[in-house]
Amino acid sequence: MEVVGRTVAIEASGLGKVYDGVTAIDGLSFQVFAGEIFGLLGPNGAGKSTTLRILITILRPTAGHATVLGHDVVREADRVRHLIGYVPQERAIDRFLTGREHLLLLGDLYHLPKSETRKRIAEILKLVDLEEQADRPARTYSGGMKRKLDLACGLLPNPKILFLDEPTLGLESRVGCASGTMSVASGSRGSRSS
């Protein structure tokens, strides 16, 4: 979808979610354009993570609808998942694997060609400043280094949109940004094999 020459990357319209009679989201509407960094800020329990989980297709909304790059998050969930990356609030790393082993394993899970995986790993480790620590077990990483590895895992499939839940959790202030849940909507990306 385009709005006056700008591509809408994420759109929520009247989004709602009710859990066992408790309203977590009520009538949320917004648009994020390609190239923008967008954050949902608010106190605990405000519905930030619930909104994110709907956008990444883990939860179904009870009202309204949402699209990611023009694909409905309910009807086209598989397509949405192919286009996005996700960095969860909770750490998703195995303390016995090295940083590089985590990324190699994810490359296999994403069915990326080995050559592409190795190239992406080299780029990402440099980007998140983990090149020198890449071959150490994750149990030796500081909290900030573990968060950087989480970020590297989200970037591995070269997503068009990267969703981050509590993106500054465990990061040094020079790396951080506003607290909350956010997404980064990229304007373009290289090709990826399916």
C-alpha atoms as a PDB file:
ATOM      1  CA  MET A   1       0.000   0.000   0.000  1.00  0.00           C
ATOM      2  CA  GLU A   2       1.204   3.524  -0.776  1.00  0.00           C
ATOM      3  CA  VAL A   3       0.114   6.767   0.817  1.00  0.00           C
ATOM      4  CA  VAL A   4       1.202   9.835  -1.193  1.00  0.00           C
ATOM      5  CA  GLY A   5       4.306   8.126  -2.588  1.00  0.00           C
ATOM      6  CA  ARG A   6       5.257   6.441   0.698  1.00  0.00           C
ATOM      7  CA  THR A   7       5.017   2.691   1.208  1.00  0.00           C
ATOM      8  CA  VAL A   8       3.099   1.549   4.273  1.00  0.00           C
ATOM      9  CA  ALA A   9       5.155  -1.193   5.914  1.00  0.00           C
ATOM     10  CA  ILE A  10       2.914  -1.899   8.919  1.00  0.00           C
ATOM     11  CA  GLU A  11      -0.716  -0.969   9.403  1.00  0.00           C
ATOM     12  CA  ALA A  12      -3.069  -1.637  12.297  1.00  0.00           C
ATOM     13  CA  SER A  13      -6.717  -0.651  12.081  1.00  0.00           C
ATOM     14  CA  GLY A  14      -9.057  -0.884  15.058  1.00  0.00           C
ATOM     15  CA  LEU A  15      -6.849  -3.603  16.530  1.00  0.00           C
ATOM     16  CA  GLY A  16      -8.169  -5.248  19.668  1.00  0.00           C
ATOM     17  CA  LYS A  17      -7.297  -8.189  21.865  1.00  0.00           C
ATOM     18  CA  VAL A  18      -9.256  -9.535  24.821  1.00  0.00           C
ATOM     19  CA  TYR A  19      -7.926 -12.286  27.121  1.00  0.00           C
ATOM     20  CA  ASP A  20     -10.500 -14.014  29.341  1.00  0.00           C
ATOM     21  CA  GLY A  21     -12.621 -10.871  29.513  1.00  0.00           C
ATOM     22  CA  VAL A  22      -9.642  -8.529  30.082  1.00  0.00           C
ATOM     23  CA  THR A  23      -9.010  -5.990  27.335  1.00  0.00           C
ATOM     24  CA  ALA A  24      -5.307  -5.778  26.441  1.00  0.00           C
ATOM     25  CA  ILE A  25      -5.728  -3.656  23.273  1.00  0.00           C
ATOM     26  CA  ASP A  26      -8.771  -1.605  22.338  1.00  0.00           C
ATOM     27  CA  GLY A  27      -9.153   0.068  18.934  1.00  0.00           C
ATOM     28  CA  LEU A  28      -5.449   0.619  18.205  1.00  0.00           C
ATOM     29  CA  SER A  29      -4.728   2.132  14.783  1.00  0.00           C
ATOM     30  CA  PHE A  30      -1.416   3.275  13.314  1.00  0.00           C
ATOM     31  CA  GLN A  31       0.775   3.170  10.209  1.00  0.00           C
ATOM     32  CA  VAL A  32       4.522   2.720   9.902  1.00  0.00           C
ATOM     33  CA  PHE A  33       6.132   3.704   6.612  1.00  0.00           C
ATOM     34  CA  ALA A  34       9.099   1.991   4.972  1.00  0.00           C
ATOM     35  CA  GLY A  35      12.361   3.343   6.349  1.00  0.00           C
ATOM     36  CA  GLU A  36      10.872   4.480   9.657  1.00  0.00           C
ATOM     37  CA  ILE A  37      11.766   3.380  13.154  1.00  0.00           C
ATOM     38  CA  PHE A  38       8.595   3.082  15.193  1.00  0.00           C
ATOM     39  CA  GLY A  39       8.236   2.498  18.916  1.00  0.00           C
ATOM     40  CA  LEU A  40       5.300   1.614  21.130  1.00  0.00           C
ATOM     41  CA  LEU A  41       5.925   3.169  24.527  1.00  0.00           C
ATOM     42  CA  GLY A  42       3.932   2.723  27.691  1.00  0.00           C
ATOM     43  CA  PRO A  43       3.829   1.193  31.146  1.00  0.00           C
ATOM     44  CA  ASN A  44       3.759  -2.532  31.845  1.00  0.00           C
ATOM     45  CA  GLY A  45       0.421  -4.012  30.825  1.00  0.00           C
ATOM     46  CA  ALA A  46      -0.314  -1.330  28.214  1.00  0.00           C
ATOM     47  CA  GLY A  47      -0.551  -3.868  25.372  1.00  0.00           C
ATOM     48  CA  LYS A  48       2.826  -3.268  23.688  1.00  0.00           C
ATOM     49  CA  SER A  49       3.942  -6.899  23.606  1.00  0.00           C
ATOM     50  CA  THR A  50       0.423  -8.088  22.751  1.00  0.00           C
ATOM     51  CA  THR A  51       0.397  -5.745  19.746  1.00  0.00           C
ATOM     52  CA  LEU A  52       3.814  -7.021  18.693  1.00  0.00           C
ATOM     53  CA  ARG A  53       2.692 -10.645  19.004  1.00  0.00           C
ATOM     54  CA  ILE A  54      -0.261  -9.935  16.742  1.00  0.00           C
ATOM     55  CA  LEU A  55       1.998  -8.272  14.158  1.00  0.00           C
ATOM     56  CA  ILE A  56       4.432 -11.207  14.145  1.00  0.00           C
ATOM     57  CA  THR A  57       1.493 -13.641  13.790  1.00  0.00           C
ATOM     58  CA  ILE A  58       1.784 -15.384  17.172  1.00  0.00           C
ATOM     59  CA  LEU A  59      -1.601 -14.072  18.381  1.00  0.00           C
ATOM     60  CA  ARG A  60      -4.841 -13.460  16.527  1.00  0.00           C
ATOM     61  CA  PRO A  61      -6.618 -10.169  17.196  1.00  0.00           C
ATOM     62  CA  THR A  62     -10.155 -10.302  18.572  1.00  0.00           C
ATOM     63  CA  ALA A  63     -11.023  -7.099  16.683  1.00  0.00           C
ATOM     64  CA  GLY A  64      -9.689  -5.104  13.752  1.00  0.00           C
ATOM     65  CA  HIS A  65      -6.936  -6.164  11.405  1.00  0.00           C
ATOM     66  CA  ALA A  66      -3.258  -5.607  10.707  1.00  0.00           C
ATOM     67  CA  THR A  67      -0.984  -5.926   7.706  1.00  0.00           C
ATOM     68  CA  VAL A  68       2.767  -6.206   7.315  1.00  0.00           C
ATOM     69  CA  LEU A  69       4.065  -5.136   3.907  1.00  0.00           C
ATOM     70  CA  GLY A  70       0.524  -5.459   2.592  1.00  0.00           C
ATOM     71  CA  HIS A  71       0.001  -9.004   3.907  1.00  0.00           C
ATOM     72  CA  ASP A  72      -2.741  -9.702   6.422  1.00  0.00           C
ATOM     73  CA  VAL A  73      -1.239 -11.073   9.646  1.00  0.00           C
ATOM     74  CA  VAL A  74      -4.038 -13.634  10.054  1.00  0.00           C
ATOM     75  CA  ARG A  75      -4.820 -14.760   6.496  1.00  0.00           C
ATOM     76  CA  GLU A  76      -1.215 -14.578   5.226  1.00  0.00           C
ATOM     77  CA  ALA A  77       0.705 -15.421   8.387  1.00  0.00           C
ATOM     78  CA  ASP A  78       3.275 -17.634   6.617  1.00  0.00           C
ATOM     79  CA  ARG A  79       4.131 -14.882   4.140  1.00  0.00           C
ATOM     80  CA  VAL A  80       4.453 -12.319   6.960  1.00  0.00           C
ATOM     81  CA  ARG A  81       6.811 -14.627   8.874  1.00  0.00           C
ATOM     82  CA  HIS A  82       9.014 -14.942   5.789  1.00  0.00           C
ATOM     83  CA  LEU A  83       9.430 -11.150   5.625  1.00  0.00           C
ATOM     84  CA  ILE A  84      10.157 -10.328   9.257  1.00  0.00           C
ATOM     85  CA  GLY A  85      12.769 -10.820  11.936  1.00  0.00           C
ATOM     86  CA  TYR A  86      12.004 -10.921  15.643  1.00  0.00           C
ATOM     87  CA  VAL A  87      14.062 -10.274  18.758  1.00  0.00           C
ATOM     88  CA  PRO A  88      12.127 -11.413  21.839  1.00  0.00           C
ATOM     89  CA  GLN A  89      12.178  -9.739  25.230  1.00  0.00           C
ATOM     90  CA  GLU A  90      13.373 -12.977  26.815  1.00  0.00           C
ATOM     91  CA  ARG A  91      16.776 -14.343  25.927  1.00  0.00           C
ATOM     92  CA  ALA A  92      16.599 -17.187  23.443  1.00  0.00           C
ATOM     93  CA  ILE A  93      20.181 -18.409  23.543  1.00  0.00           C
ATOM     94  CA  ASP A  94      21.797 -21.642  24.671  1.00  0.00           C
ATOM     95  CA  ARG A  95      24.642 -20.958  27.083  1.00  0.00           C
ATOM     96  CA  PHE A  96      26.713 -23.878  25.784  1.00  0.00           C
ATOM     97  CA  LEU A  97      26.740 -22.785  22.120  1.00  0.00           C
ATOM     98  CA  THR A  98      29.076 -20.105  20.829  1.00  0.00           C
ATOM     99  CA  GLY A  99      27.658 -16.992  19.200  1.00  0.00           C
ATOM    100  CA  ARG A 100      28.688 -18.306  15.796  1.00  0.00           C
ATOM    101  CA  GLU A 101      27.082 -21.709  16.481  1.00  0.00           C
ATOM    102  CA  HIS A 102      23.801 -19.981  17.369  1.00  0.00           C
ATOM    103  CA  LEU A 103      23.809 -18.168  14.055  1.00  0.00           C
ATOM    104  CA  LEU A 104      24.798 -21.269  12.066  1.00  0.00           C
ATOM    105  CA  LEU A 105      21.963 -23.225  13.687  1.00  0.00           C
ATOM    106  CA  LEU A 106      19.474 -20.467  12.866  1.00  0.00           C
ATOM    107  CA  GLY A 107      20.744 -20.389   9.278  1.00  0.00           C
ATOM    108  CA  ASP A 108      19.847 -24.081   9.029  1.00  0.00           C
ATOM    109  CA  LEU A 109      16.418 -23.480  10.615  1.00  0.00           C
ATOM    110  CA  TYR A 110      15.748 -20.669   8.121  1.00  0.00           C
ATOM    111  CA  HIS A 111      16.909 -22.987   5.285  1.00  0.00           C
ATOM    112  CA  LEU A 112      19.473 -20.421   4.148  1.00  0.00           C
ATOM    113  CA  PRO A 113      22.198 -21.638   1.795  1.00  0.00           C
ATOM    114  CA  LYS A 114      25.447 -22.306   3.732  1.00  0.00           C
ATOM    115  CA  SER A 115      27.397 -19.723   1.720  1.00  0.00           C
ATOM    116  CA  GLU A 116      24.762 -17.046   2.379  1.00  0.00           C
ATOM    117  CA  THR A 117      24.635 -17.975   6.067  1.00  0.00           C
ATOM    118  CA  ARG A 118      28.406 -17.618   6.486  1.00  0.00           C
ATOM    119  CA  LYS A 119      28.404 -14.283   4.659  1.00  0.00           C
ATOM    120  CA  ARG A 120      25.484 -12.945   6.730  1.00  0.00           C
ATOM    121  CA  ILE A 121      27.112 -14.126   9.972  1.00  0.00           C
ATOM    122  CA  ALA A 122      30.330 -12.256   9.187  1.00  0.00           C
ATOM    123  CA  GLU A 123      28.373  -9.073   8.385  1.00  0.00           C
ATOM    124  CA  ILE A 124      26.142  -9.303  11.429  1.00  0.00           C
ATOM    125  CA  LEU A 125      28.893 -10.126  13.924  1.00  0.00           C
ATOM    126  CA  LYS A 126      30.716  -7.017  12.754  1.00  0.00           C
ATOM    127  CA  LEU A 127      27.533  -4.930  12.917  1.00  0.00           C
ATOM    128  CA  VAL A 128      26.764  -5.918  16.524  1.00  0.00           C
ATOM    129  CA  ASP A 129      30.431  -5.809  17.580  1.00  0.00           C
ATOM    130  CA  LEU A 130      30.740  -9.498  18.492  1.00  0.00           C
ATOM    131  CA  GLU A 131      33.432 -10.542  16.007  1.00  0.00           C
ATOM    132  CA  GLU A 132      36.077 -11.162  18.664  1.00  0.00           C
ATOM    133  CA  GLN A 133      33.692 -13.046  20.983  1.00  0.00           C
ATOM    134  CA  ALA A 134      31.910 -15.090  18.295  1.00  0.00           C
ATOM    135  CA  ASP A 135      33.692 -18.339  19.091  1.00  0.00           C
ATOM    136  CA  ARG A 136      33.297 -18.174  22.860  1.00  0.00           C
ATOM    137  CA  PRO A 137      30.441 -20.031  24.594  1.00  0.00           C
ATOM    138  CA  ALA A 138      27.470 -17.752  25.288  1.00  0.00           C
ATOM    139  CA  ARG A 139      27.761 -18.535  29.020  1.00  0.00           C
ATOM    140  CA  THR A 140      30.898 -16.330  29.038  1.00  0.00           C
ATOM    141  CA  TYR A 141      29.050 -13.334  27.546  1.00  0.00           C
ATOM    142  CA  SER A 142      27.986 -10.312  29.555  1.00  0.00           C
ATOM    143  CA  GLY A 143      24.289  -9.402  29.588  1.00  0.00           C
ATOM    144  CA  GLY A 144      24.879  -6.785  26.888  1.00  0.00           C
ATOM    145  CA  MET A 145      26.759  -9.252  24.700  1.00  0.00           C
ATOM    146  CA  LYS A 146      23.907 -11.769  25.035  1.00  0.00           C
ATOM    147  CA  ARG A 147      21.438  -9.074  23.954  1.00  0.00           C
ATOM    148  CA  LYS A 148      23.650  -8.284  20.952  1.00  0.00           C
ATOM    149  CA  LEU A 149      23.581 -11.991  20.049  1.00  0.00           C
ATOM    150  CA  ASP A 150      19.770 -11.918  20.296  1.00  0.00           C
ATOM    151  CA  LEU A 151      19.797  -8.960  17.891  1.00  0.00           C
ATOM    152  CA  ALA A 152      22.164 -10.803  15.527  1.00  0.00           C
ATOM    153  CA  CYS A 153      19.757 -13.773  15.522  1.00  0.00           C
ATOM    154  CA  GLY A 154      16.878 -11.477  14.522  1.00  0.00           C
ATOM    155  CA  LEU A 155      18.920  -9.973  11.697  1.00  0.00           C
ATOM    156  CA  LEU A 156      20.218 -13.248  10.230  1.00  0.00           C
ATOM    157  CA  PRO A 157      17.377 -13.897   7.746  1.00  0.00           C
ATOM    158  CA  ASN A 158      17.853 -10.361   6.346  1.00  0.00           C
ATOM    159  CA  PRO A 159      14.306  -9.300   7.221  1.00  0.00           C
ATOM    160  CA  LYS A 160      12.444  -6.468   5.560  1.00  0.00           C
ATOM    161  CA  ILE A 161      11.099  -5.546   9.003  1.00  0.00           C
ATOM    162  CA  LEU A 162      12.744  -6.266  12.326  1.00  0.00           C
ATOM    163  CA  PHE A 163      10.506  -6.422  15.406  1.00  0.00           C
ATOM    164  CA  LEU A 164      12.153  -5.931  18.797  1.00  0.00           C
ATOM    165  CA  ASP A 165      10.414  -6.510  22.121  1.00  0.00           C
ATOM    166  CA  GLU A 166      12.042  -4.347  24.829  1.00  0.00           C
ATOM    167  CA  PRO A 167      14.988  -3.522  22.548  1.00  0.00           C
ATOM    168  CA  THR A 168      17.205  -1.814  25.135  1.00  0.00           C
ATOM    169  CA  LEU A 169      16.958  -4.572  27.743  1.00  0.00           C
ATOM    170  CA  GLY A 170      20.549  -5.428  28.731  1.00  0.00           C
ATOM    171  CA  LEU A 171      22.261  -3.082  26.262  1.00  0.00           C
ATOM    172  CA  GLU A 172      24.750  -0.382  27.132  1.00  0.00           C
ATOM    173  CA  SER A 173      23.359   3.142  26.816  1.00  0.00           C
ATOM    174  CA  ARG A 174      25.440   3.929  23.719  1.00  0.00           C
ATOM    175  CA  VAL A 175      23.649   1.114  21.853  1.00  0.00           C
ATOM    176  CA  GLY A 176      20.166   1.663  23.283  1.00  0.00           C
ATOM    177  CA  CYS A 177      17.108   3.607  22.209  1.00  0.00           C
ATOM    178  CA  ALA A 178      13.741   4.490  23.747  1.00  0.00           C
ATOM    179  CA  SER A 179      12.360   1.766  26.013  1.00  0.00           C
ATOM    180  CA  GLY A 180       9.426  -0.243  24.751  1.00  0.00           C
ATOM    181  CA  THR A 181       8.523  -2.369  21.795  1.00  0.00           C
ATOM    182  CA  MET A 182       9.546  -1.262  18.338  1.00  0.00           C
ATOM    183  CA  SER A 183       9.877  -2.237  14.752  1.00  0.00           C
ATOM    184  CA  VAL A 184      12.291  -1.138  12.113  1.00  0.00           C
ATOM    185  CA  ALA A 185      10.733  -1.018   8.666  1.00  0.00           C
ATOM    186  CA  SER A 186      13.363  -1.280   5.966  1.00  0.00           C
ATOM    187  CA  GLY A 187      12.819   0.076   2.502  1.00  0.00           C
ATOM    188  CA  SER A 188      14.672  -2.704   0.707  1.00  0.00           C
ATOM    189  CA  ARG A 189      16.567  -5.898   1.251  1.00  0.00           C
ATOM    190  CA  GLY A 190      18.575  -8.400  -0.682  1.00  0.00           C
ATOM    191  CA  SER A 191      16.972 -11.557  -1.956  1.00  0.00           C
ATOM    192  CA  ARG A 192      16.568 -14.626   0.192  1.00  0.00           C
ATOM    193  CA  SER A 193      15.925 -18.152  -0.912  1.00  0.00           C
ATOM    194  CA  SER A 194      12.638 -19.707   0.167  1.00  0.00           C
END
